[in-house]
Amino acid sequence: MTNKETVICRCEDITMREIQETVERFQCSSREVKLRTRAGMGSCGGRTCRGMVDKLVEQLGGPPISNEIALSYRPPVRPVSFGVLGGEEK
């Protein structure tokens, strides 16, 4: 028995229930689930949840992963400090 409130994407706080509801409502692929829910688009860039999202979509009847265009991973161009983001540094 699985818990539908299990968090699959920790960065974006996306649960198994959200992924399941998205697949059922839109009959979408793994890529589209990621774009609709933001799963895999957090600070880790999908490194921790990508495989789990792909497996869940496949188990829920989504199209095979081999038939879709893969999402790319893009790290930041350069590191930015929290001071700059908060407006304290220039």
PDB file of N, CA and C in Angstrom:
ATOM      1  N   MET A   1       0.845  -1.186   0.000  1.00  0.00           N
ATOM      2  CA  MET A   1       0.000   0.000   0.000  1.00  0.00           C
ATOM      3  C   MET A   1       0.887   1.245   0.000  1.00  0.00           C
ATOM      4  N   THR A   2       0.606   2.180  -0.877  1.00  0.00           N
ATOM      5  CA  THR A   2       1.415   3.382  -0.968  1.00  0.00           C
ATOM      6  C   THR A   2       0.684   4.564  -0.348  1.00  0.00           C
ATOM      7  N   ASN A   3       1.477   5.486   0.157  1.00  0.00           N
ATOM      8  CA  ASN A   3       0.941   6.696   0.742  1.00  0.00           C
ATOM      9  C   ASN A   3       0.919   7.772  -0.331  1.00  0.00           C
ATOM     10  N   LYS A   4      -0.244   8.273  -0.676  1.00  0.00           N
ATOM     11  CA  LYS A   4      -0.396   9.274  -1.735  1.00  0.00           C
ATOM     12  C   LYS A   4       0.219  10.617  -1.356  1.00  0.00           C
ATOM     13  N   GLU A   5       0.498  10.822  -0.071  1.00  0.00           N
ATOM     14  CA  GLU A   5       1.087  12.086   0.377  1.00  0.00           C
ATOM     15  C   GLU A   5       2.608  12.024   0.440  1.00  0.00           C
ATOM     16  N   THR A   6       3.184  10.939  -0.056  1.00  0.00           N
ATOM     17  CA  THR A   6       4.643  10.830  -0.109  1.00  0.00           C
ATOM     18  C   THR A   6       5.189  11.905  -1.036  1.00  0.00           C
ATOM     19  N   VAL A   7       6.158  12.658  -0.553  1.00  0.00           N
ATOM     20  CA  VAL A   7       6.758  13.716  -1.357  1.00  0.00           C
ATOM     21  C   VAL A   7       7.762  13.078  -2.322  1.00  0.00           C
ATOM     22  N   ILE A   8       7.537  13.295  -3.600  1.00  0.00           N
ATOM     23  CA  ILE A   8       8.409  12.756  -4.636  1.00  0.00           C
ATOM     24  C   ILE A   8       9.500  13.760  -4.974  1.00  0.00           C
ATOM     25  N   CYS A   9       9.120  15.015  -5.153  1.00  0.00           N
ATOM     26  CA  CYS A   9      10.073  16.090  -5.446  1.00  0.00           C
ATOM     27  C   CYS A   9      10.189  16.969  -4.203  1.00  0.00           C
ATOM     28  N   ARG A  10      11.299  16.824  -3.500  1.00  0.00           N
ATOM     29  CA  ARG A  10      11.496  17.586  -2.258  1.00  0.00           C
ATOM     30  C   ARG A  10      11.699  19.072  -2.517  1.00  0.00           C
ATOM     31  N   CYS A  11      12.348  19.406  -3.586  1.00  0.00           N
ATOM     32  CA  CYS A  11      12.625  20.824  -3.869  1.00  0.00           C
ATOM     33  C   CYS A  11      11.343  21.621  -4.115  1.00  0.00           C
ATOM     34  N   GLU A  12      10.410  21.033  -4.846  1.00  0.00           N
ATOM     35  CA  GLU A  12       9.160  21.719  -5.187  1.00  0.00           C
ATOM     36  C   GLU A  12       7.972  21.208  -4.366  1.00  0.00           C
ATOM     37  N   ASP A  13       8.224  20.268  -3.443  1.00  0.00           N
ATOM     38  CA  ASP A  13       7.192  19.724  -2.554  1.00  0.00           C
ATOM     39  C   ASP A  13       6.010  19.128  -3.329  1.00  0.00           C
ATOM     40  N   ILE A  14       6.318  18.288  -4.311  1.00  0.00           N
ATOM     41  CA  ILE A  14       5.302  17.652  -5.148  1.00  0.00           C
ATOM     42  C   ILE A  14       5.067  16.231  -4.637  1.00  0.00           C
ATOM     43  N   THR A  15       3.808  15.908  -4.370  1.00  0.00           N
ATOM     44  CA  THR A  15       3.463  14.600  -3.817  1.00  0.00           C
ATOM     45  C   THR A  15       3.085  13.607  -4.916  1.00  0.00           C
ATOM     46  N   MET A  16       3.028  12.352  -4.509  1.00  0.00           N
ATOM     47  CA  MET A  16       2.611  11.286  -5.416  1.00  0.00           C
ATOM     48  C   MET A  16       1.185  11.550  -5.906  1.00  0.00           C
ATOM     49  N   ARG A  17       0.337  12.062  -5.020  1.00  0.00           N
ATOM     50  CA  ARG A  17      -1.047  12.369  -5.388  1.00  0.00           C
ATOM     51  C   ARG A  17      -1.099  13.404  -6.526  1.00  0.00           C
ATOM     52  N   GLU A  18      -0.287  14.450  -6.444  1.00  0.00           N
ATOM     53  CA  GLU A  18      -0.281  15.482  -7.480  1.00  0.00           C
ATOM     54  C   GLU A  18       0.151  14.913  -8.829  1.00  0.00           C
ATOM     55  N   ILE A  19       1.144  14.058  -8.802  1.00  0.00           N
ATOM     56  CA  ILE A  19       1.614  13.442 -10.051  1.00  0.00           C
ATOM     57  C   ILE A  19       0.532  12.537 -10.620  1.00  0.00           C
ATOM     58  N   GLN A  20      -0.078  11.730  -9.771  1.00  0.00           N
ATOM     59  CA  GLN A  20      -1.133  10.820 -10.229  1.00  0.00           C
ATOM     60  C   GLN A  20      -2.318  11.597 -10.802  1.00  0.00           C
ATOM     61  N   GLU A  21      -2.749  12.640 -10.127  1.00  0.00           N
ATOM     62  CA  GLU A  21      -3.874  13.439 -10.605  1.00  0.00           C
ATOM     63  C   GLU A  21      -3.559  14.110 -11.937  1.00  0.00           C
ATOM     64  N   THR A  22      -2.331  14.556 -12.103  1.00  0.00           N
ATOM     65  CA  THR A  22      -1.924  15.197 -13.357  1.00  0.00           C
ATOM     66  C   THR A  22      -1.939  14.199 -14.505  1.00  0.00           C
ATOM     67  N   VAL A  23      -1.408  13.003 -14.273  1.00  0.00           N
ATOM     68  CA  VAL A  23      -1.399  11.973 -15.325  1.00  0.00           C
ATOM     69  C   VAL A  23      -2.824  11.577 -15.689  1.00  0.00           C
ATOM     70  N   GLU A  24      -3.674  11.383 -14.694  1.00  0.00           N
ATOM     71  CA  GLU A  24      -5.054  10.972 -14.961  1.00  0.00           C
ATOM     72  C   GLU A  24      -5.850  12.063 -15.670  1.00  0.00           C
ATOM     73  N   ARG A  25      -5.645  13.295 -15.279  1.00  0.00           N
ATOM     74  CA  ARG A  25      -6.419  14.397 -15.862  1.00  0.00           C
ATOM     75  C   ARG A  25      -5.996  14.720 -17.286  1.00  0.00           C
ATOM     76  N   PHE A  26      -4.695  14.746 -17.542  1.00  0.00           N
ATOM     77  CA  PHE A  26      -4.193  15.197 -18.841  1.00  0.00           C
ATOM     78  C   PHE A  26      -3.654  14.071 -19.719  1.00  0.00           C
ATOM     79  N   GLN A  27      -3.582  12.832 -19.194  1.00  0.00           N
ATOM     80  CA  GLN A  27      -3.020  11.707 -19.957  1.00  0.00           C
ATOM     81  C   GLN A  27      -1.673  12.099 -20.550  1.00  0.00           C
ATOM     82  N   CYS A  28      -0.806  12.617 -19.702  1.00  0.00           N
ATOM     83  CA  CYS A  28       0.431  13.210 -20.198  1.00  0.00           C
ATOM     84  C   CYS A  28       1.667  12.353 -19.934  1.00  0.00           C
ATOM     85  N   SER A  29       2.714  12.729 -20.625  1.00  0.00           N
ATOM     86  CA  SER A  29       3.997  12.047 -20.517  1.00  0.00           C
ATOM     87  C   SER A  29       4.738  12.529 -19.276  1.00  0.00           C
ATOM     88  N   SER A  30       5.851  11.888 -19.011  1.00  0.00           N
ATOM     89  CA  SER A  30       6.703  12.262 -17.894  1.00  0.00           C
ATOM     90  C   SER A  30       7.182  13.697 -18.048  1.00  0.00           C
ATOM     91  N   ARG A  31       7.564  14.073 -19.225  1.00  0.00           N
ATOM     92  CA  ARG A  31       8.035  15.441 -19.485  1.00  0.00           C
ATOM     93  C   ARG A  31       6.933  16.448 -19.186  1.00  0.00           C
ATOM     94  N   GLU A  32       5.727  16.173 -19.643  1.00  0.00           N
ATOM     95  CA  GLU A  32       4.620  17.094 -19.419  1.00  0.00           C
ATOM     96  C   GLU A  32       4.247  17.165 -17.939  1.00  0.00           C
ATOM     97  N   VAL A  33       4.332  16.051 -17.227  1.00  0.00           N
ATOM     98  CA  VAL A  33       4.081  16.069 -15.784  1.00  0.00           C
ATOM     99  C   VAL A  33       5.069  17.003 -15.103  1.00  0.00           C
ATOM    100  N   LYS A  34       6.314  16.929 -15.500  1.00  0.00           N
ATOM    101  CA  LYS A  34       7.337  17.796 -14.917  1.00  0.00           C
ATOM    102  C   LYS A  34       7.047  19.263 -15.205  1.00  0.00           C
ATOM    103  N   LEU A  35       6.615  19.556 -16.414  1.00  0.00           N
ATOM    104  CA  LEU A  35       6.312  20.944 -16.775  1.00  0.00           C
ATOM    105  C   LEU A  35       5.049  21.448 -16.078  1.00  0.00           C
ATOM    106  N   ARG A  36       4.048  20.602 -15.909  1.00  0.00           N
ATOM    107  CA  ARG A  36       2.799  21.011 -15.262  1.00  0.00           C
ATOM    108  C   ARG A  36       2.919  21.142 -13.745  1.00  0.00           C
ATOM    109  N   THR A  37       3.711  20.274 -13.122  1.00  0.00           N
ATOM    110  CA  THR A  37       3.784  20.269 -11.654  1.00  0.00           C
ATOM    111  C   THR A  37       5.041  20.937 -11.110  1.00  0.00           C
ATOM    112  N   ARG A  38       6.035  21.150 -11.944  1.00  0.00           N
ATOM    113  CA  ARG A  38       7.357  21.661 -11.573  1.00  0.00           C
ATOM    114  C   ARG A  38       8.212  20.607 -10.877  1.00  0.00           C
ATOM    115  N   ALA A  39       7.780  19.373 -10.869  1.00  0.00           N
ATOM    116  CA  ALA A  39       8.608  18.297 -10.308  1.00  0.00           C
ATOM    117  C   ALA A  39       9.891  18.213 -11.125  1.00  0.00           C
ATOM    118  N   GLY A  40      11.016  18.192 -10.443  1.00  0.00           N
ATOM    119  CA  GLY A  40      12.296  18.123 -11.129  1.00  0.00           C
ATOM    120  C   GLY A  40      12.844  19.467 -11.552  1.00  0.00           C
ATOM    121  N   MET A  41      12.179  20.555 -11.188  1.00  0.00           N
ATOM    122  CA  MET A  41      12.635  21.881 -11.601  1.00  0.00           C
ATOM    123  C   MET A  41      13.098  22.729 -10.424  1.00  0.00           C
ATOM    124  N   GLY A  42      13.364  22.078  -9.315  1.00  0.00           N
ATOM    125  CA  GLY A  42      13.833  22.797  -8.140  1.00  0.00           C
ATOM    126  C   GLY A  42      15.332  22.985  -8.156  1.00  0.00           C
ATOM    127  N   SER A  43      15.873  23.245  -6.999  1.00  0.00           N
ATOM    128  CA  SER A  43      17.307  23.565  -6.904  1.00  0.00           C
ATOM    129  C   SER A  43      18.214  22.395  -7.291  1.00  0.00           C
ATOM    130  N   CYS A  44      17.746  21.160  -7.160  1.00  0.00           N
ATOM    131  CA  CYS A  44      18.601  20.022  -7.528  1.00  0.00           C
ATOM    132  C   CYS A  44      18.528  19.716  -9.022  1.00  0.00           C
ATOM    133  N   GLY A  45      17.606  20.346  -9.732  1.00  0.00           N
ATOM    134  CA  GLY A  45      17.495  20.130 -11.169  1.00  0.00           C
ATOM    135  C   GLY A  45      16.996  18.753 -11.546  1.00  0.00           C
ATOM    136  N   GLY A  46      16.285  18.099 -10.645  1.00  0.00           N
ATOM    137  CA  GLY A  46      15.732  16.780 -10.941  1.00  0.00           C
ATOM    138  C   GLY A  46      16.669  15.629 -10.665  1.00  0.00           C
ATOM    139  N   ARG A  47      17.802  15.903 -10.075  1.00  0.00           N
ATOM    140  CA  ARG A  47      18.772  14.832  -9.832  1.00  0.00           C
ATOM    141  C   ARG A  47      18.262  13.806  -8.833  1.00  0.00           C
ATOM    142  N   THR A  48      17.377  14.202  -7.922  1.00  0.00           N
ATOM    143  CA  THR A  48      16.892  13.251  -6.921  1.00  0.00           C
ATOM    144  C   THR A  48      15.541  12.639  -7.271  1.00  0.00           C
ATOM    145  N   CYS A  49      14.731  13.307  -8.071  1.00  0.00           N
ATOM    146  CA  CYS A  49      13.374  12.801  -8.310  1.00  0.00           C
ATOM    147  C   CYS A  49      13.082  12.405  -9.753  1.00  0.00           C
ATOM    148  N   ARG A  50      13.947  12.727 -10.657  1.00  0.00           N
ATOM    149  CA  ARG A  50      13.673  12.486 -12.080  1.00  0.00           C
ATOM    150  C   ARG A  50      13.286  11.037 -12.365  1.00  0.00           C
ATOM    151  N   GLY A  51      14.086  10.111 -11.883  1.00  0.00           N
ATOM    152  CA  GLY A  51      13.807   8.690 -12.127  1.00  0.00           C
ATOM    153  C   GLY A  51      12.493   8.236 -11.526  1.00  0.00           C
ATOM    154  N   MET A  52      12.186   8.732 -10.328  1.00  0.00           N
ATOM    155  CA  MET A  52      10.932   8.343  -9.665  1.00  0.00           C
ATOM    156  C   MET A  52       9.728   8.882 -10.427  1.00  0.00           C
ATOM    157  N   VAL A  53       9.799  10.119 -10.890  1.00  0.00           N
ATOM    158  CA  VAL A  53       8.695  10.691 -11.663  1.00  0.00           C
ATOM    159  C   VAL A  53       8.495   9.878 -12.941  1.00  0.00           C
ATOM    160  N   ASP A  54       9.580   9.557 -13.621  1.00  0.00           N
ATOM    161  CA  ASP A  54       9.491   8.755 -14.849  1.00  0.00           C
ATOM    162  C   ASP A  54       8.835   7.403 -14.582  1.00  0.00           C
ATOM    163  N   LYS A  55       9.237   6.735 -13.512  1.00  0.00           N
ATOM    164  CA  LYS A  55       8.669   5.422 -13.182  1.00  0.00           C
ATOM    165  C   LYS A  55       7.189   5.524 -12.818  1.00  0.00           C
ATOM    166  N   LEU A  56       6.824   6.541 -12.044  1.00  0.00           N
ATOM    167  CA  LEU A  56       5.423   6.710 -11.655  1.00  0.00           C
ATOM    168  C   LEU A  56       4.536   6.933 -12.874  1.00  0.00           C
ATOM    169  N   VAL A  57       4.973   7.786 -13.781  1.00  0.00           N
ATOM    170  CA  VAL A  57       4.177   8.066 -14.977  1.00  0.00           C
ATOM    171  C   VAL A  57       4.026   6.802 -15.807  1.00  0.00           C
ATOM    172  N   GLU A  58       5.086   6.047 -15.933  1.00  0.00           N
ATOM    173  CA  GLU A  58       5.023   4.792 -16.692  1.00  0.00           C
ATOM    174  C   GLU A  58       4.044   3.810 -16.039  1.00  0.00           C
ATOM    175  N   GLN A  59       4.090   3.700 -14.706  1.00  0.00           N
ATOM    176  CA  GLN A  59       3.184   2.799 -13.987  1.00  0.00           C
ATOM    177  C   GLN A  59       1.728   3.246 -14.086  1.00  0.00           C
ATOM    178  N   LEU A  60       1.511   4.548 -14.208  1.00  0.00           N
ATOM    179  CA  LEU A  60       0.155   5.090 -14.285  1.00  0.00           C
ATOM    180  C   LEU A  60      -0.401   5.088 -15.704  1.00  0.00           C
ATOM    181  N   GLY A  61       0.356   4.550 -16.648  1.00  0.00           N
ATOM    182  CA  GLY A  61      -0.141   4.398 -18.013  1.00  0.00           C
ATOM    183  C   GLY A  61       0.251   5.505 -18.962  1.00  0.00           C
ATOM    184  N   GLY A  62       1.216   6.329 -18.585  1.00  0.00           N
ATOM    185  CA  GLY A  62       1.694   7.379 -19.484  1.00  0.00           C
ATOM    186  C   GLY A  62       2.492   6.779 -20.620  1.00  0.00           C
ATOM    187  N   PRO A  63       2.765   7.577 -21.636  1.00  0.00           N
ATOM    188  CA  PRO A  63       3.542   7.066 -22.777  1.00  0.00           C
ATOM    189  C   PRO A  63       4.966   6.695 -22.356  1.00  0.00           C
ATOM    190  N   PRO A  64       5.587   5.786 -23.079  1.00  0.00           N
ATOM    191  CA  PRO A  64       6.958   5.387 -22.752  1.00  0.00           C
ATOM    192  C   PRO A  64       7.922   6.564 -22.810  1.00  0.00           C
ATOM    193  N   ILE A  65       8.898   6.548 -21.944  1.00  0.00           N
ATOM    194  CA  ILE A  65       9.865   7.629 -21.849  1.00  0.00           C
ATOM    195  C   ILE A  65      10.673   7.758 -23.135  1.00  0.00           C
ATOM    196  N   SER A  66      10.909   6.657 -23.818  1.00  0.00           N
ATOM    197  CA  SER A  66      11.725   6.686 -25.031  1.00  0.00           C
ATOM    198  C   SER A  66      11.074   7.476 -26.157  1.00  0.00           C
ATOM    199  N   ASN A  67       9.769   7.741 -26.076  1.00  0.00           N
ATOM    200  CA  ASN A  67       9.055   8.449 -27.139  1.00  0.00           C
ATOM    201  C   ASN A  67       9.005   9.957 -26.952  1.00  0.00           C
ATOM    202  N   GLU A  68       9.653  10.480 -25.931  1.00  0.00           N
ATOM    203  CA  GLU A  68       9.533  11.904 -25.663  1.00  0.00           C
ATOM    204  C   GLU A  68      10.875  12.623 -25.708  1.00  0.00           C
ATOM    205  N   ILE A  69      10.815  13.918 -25.801  1.00  0.00           N
ATOM    206  CA  ILE A  69      12.012  14.754 -25.805  1.00  0.00           C
ATOM    207  C   ILE A  69      12.436  14.959 -24.352  1.00  0.00           C
ATOM    208  N   ALA A  70      13.676  14.672 -24.063  1.00  0.00           N
ATOM    209  CA  ALA A  70      14.168  14.786 -22.690  1.00  0.00           C
ATOM    210  C   ALA A  70      14.333  16.251 -22.291  1.00  0.00           C
ATOM    211  N   LEU A  71      14.071  16.523 -21.008  1.00  0.00           N
ATOM    212  CA  LEU A  71      14.333  17.852 -20.468  1.00  0.00           C
ATOM    213  C   LEU A  71      15.830  17.998 -20.256  1.00  0.00           C
ATOM    214  N   SER A  72      16.331  19.176 -20.477  1.00  0.00           N
ATOM    215  CA  SER A  72      17.761  19.396 -20.267  1.00  0.00           C
ATOM    216  C   SER A  72      18.010  19.938 -18.868  1.00  0.00           C
ATOM    217  N   TYR A  73      19.228  19.778 -18.402  1.00  0.00           N
ATOM    218  CA  TYR A  73      19.627  20.296 -17.104  1.00  0.00           C
ATOM    219  C   TYR A  73      20.536  21.479 -17.335  1.00  0.00           C
ATOM    220  N   ARG A  74      20.199  22.598 -16.729  1.00  0.00           N
ATOM    221  CA  ARG A  74      20.984  23.819 -16.921  1.00  0.00           C
ATOM    222  C   ARG A  74      21.381  24.402 -15.573  1.00  0.00           C
ATOM    223  N   PRO A  75      22.637  24.231 -15.207  1.00  0.00           N
ATOM    224  CA  PRO A  75      23.094  24.827 -13.951  1.00  0.00           C
ATOM    225  C   PRO A  75      23.184  26.342 -14.097  1.00  0.00           C
ATOM    226  N   PRO A  76      23.216  27.059 -12.982  1.00  0.00           N
ATOM    227  CA  PRO A  76      23.354  28.521 -13.066  1.00  0.00           C
ATOM    228  C   PRO A  76      24.642  28.908 -13.791  1.00  0.00           C
ATOM    229  N   VAL A  77      24.624  30.050 -14.444  1.00  0.00           N
ATOM    230  CA  VAL A  77      25.790  30.528 -15.169  1.00  0.00           C
ATOM    231  C   VAL A  77      26.931  30.797 -14.194  1.00  0.00           C
ATOM    232  N   ARG A  78      26.608  31.402 -13.073  1.00  0.00           N
ATOM    233  CA  ARG A  78      27.609  31.650 -12.035  1.00  0.00           C
ATOM    234  C   ARG A  78      26.897  31.666 -10.688  1.00  0.00           C
ATOM    235  N   PRO A  79      27.593  31.334  -9.620  1.00  0.00           N
ATOM    236  CA  PRO A  79      26.963  31.345  -8.297  1.00  0.00           C
ATOM    237  C   PRO A  79      26.575  32.764  -7.884  1.00  0.00           C
ATOM    238  N   VAL A  80      25.473  32.881  -7.168  1.00  0.00           N
ATOM    239  CA  VAL A  80      24.993  34.167  -6.664  1.00  0.00           C
ATOM    240  C   VAL A  80      24.797  34.035  -5.164  1.00  0.00           C
ATOM    241  N   SER A  81      25.296  34.990  -4.415  1.00  0.00           N
ATOM    242  CA  SER A  81      25.167  34.932  -2.957  1.00  0.00           C
ATOM    243  C   SER A  81      23.765  35.342  -2.525  1.00  0.00           C
ATOM    244  N   PHE A  82      23.376  34.921  -1.326  1.00  0.00           N
ATOM    245  CA  PHE A  82      22.071  35.292  -0.798  1.00  0.00           C
ATOM    246  C   PHE A  82      21.991  36.798  -0.548  1.00  0.00           C
ATOM    247  N   GLY A  83      23.119  37.421  -0.240  1.00  0.00           N
ATOM    248  CA  GLY A  83      23.144  38.868  -0.048  1.00  0.00           C
ATOM    249  C   GLY A  83      22.737  39.618  -1.298  1.00  0.00           C
ATOM    250  N   VAL A  84      23.226  39.157  -2.437  1.00  0.00           N
ATOM    251  CA  VAL A  84      22.858  39.786  -3.714  1.00  0.00           C
ATOM    252  C   VAL A  84      21.376  39.559  -3.994  1.00  0.00           C
ATOM    253  N   LEU A  85      20.897  38.357  -3.760  1.00  0.00           N
ATOM    254  CA  LEU A  85      19.478  38.065  -3.988  1.00  0.00           C
ATOM    255  C   LEU A  85      18.586  38.878  -3.067  1.00  0.00           C
ATOM    256  N   GLY A  86      19.051  39.112  -1.842  1.00  0.00           N
ATOM    257  CA  GLY A  86      18.272  39.876  -0.870  1.00  0.00           C
ATOM    258  C   GLY A  86      18.409  41.378  -1.025  1.00  0.00           C
ATOM    259  N   GLY A  87      19.279  41.823  -1.924  1.00  0.00           N
ATOM    260  CA  GLY A  87      19.434  43.240  -2.172  1.00  0.00           C
ATOM    261  C   GLY A  87      20.370  43.950  -1.202  1.00  0.00           C
ATOM    262  N   GLU A  88      21.126  43.195  -0.405  1.00  0.00           N
ATOM    263  CA  GLU A  88      22.018  43.802   0.564  1.00  0.00           C
ATOM    264  C   GLU A  88      23.389  44.132  -0.011  1.00  0.00           C
ATOM    265  N   GLU A  89      23.795  43.432  -1.037  1.00  0.00           N
ATOM    266  CA  GLU A  89      25.097  43.658  -1.673  1.00  0.00           C
ATOM    267  C   GLU A  89      24.883  44.196  -3.077  1.00  0.00           C
ATOM    268  N   LYS A  90      25.883  44.852  -3.562  1.00  0.00           N
ATOM    269  CA  LYS A  90      25.808  45.357  -4.950  1.00  0.00           C
ATOM    270  C   LYS A  90      27.005  44.904  -5.732  1.00  0.00           C
TER     271      LYS A  90
END
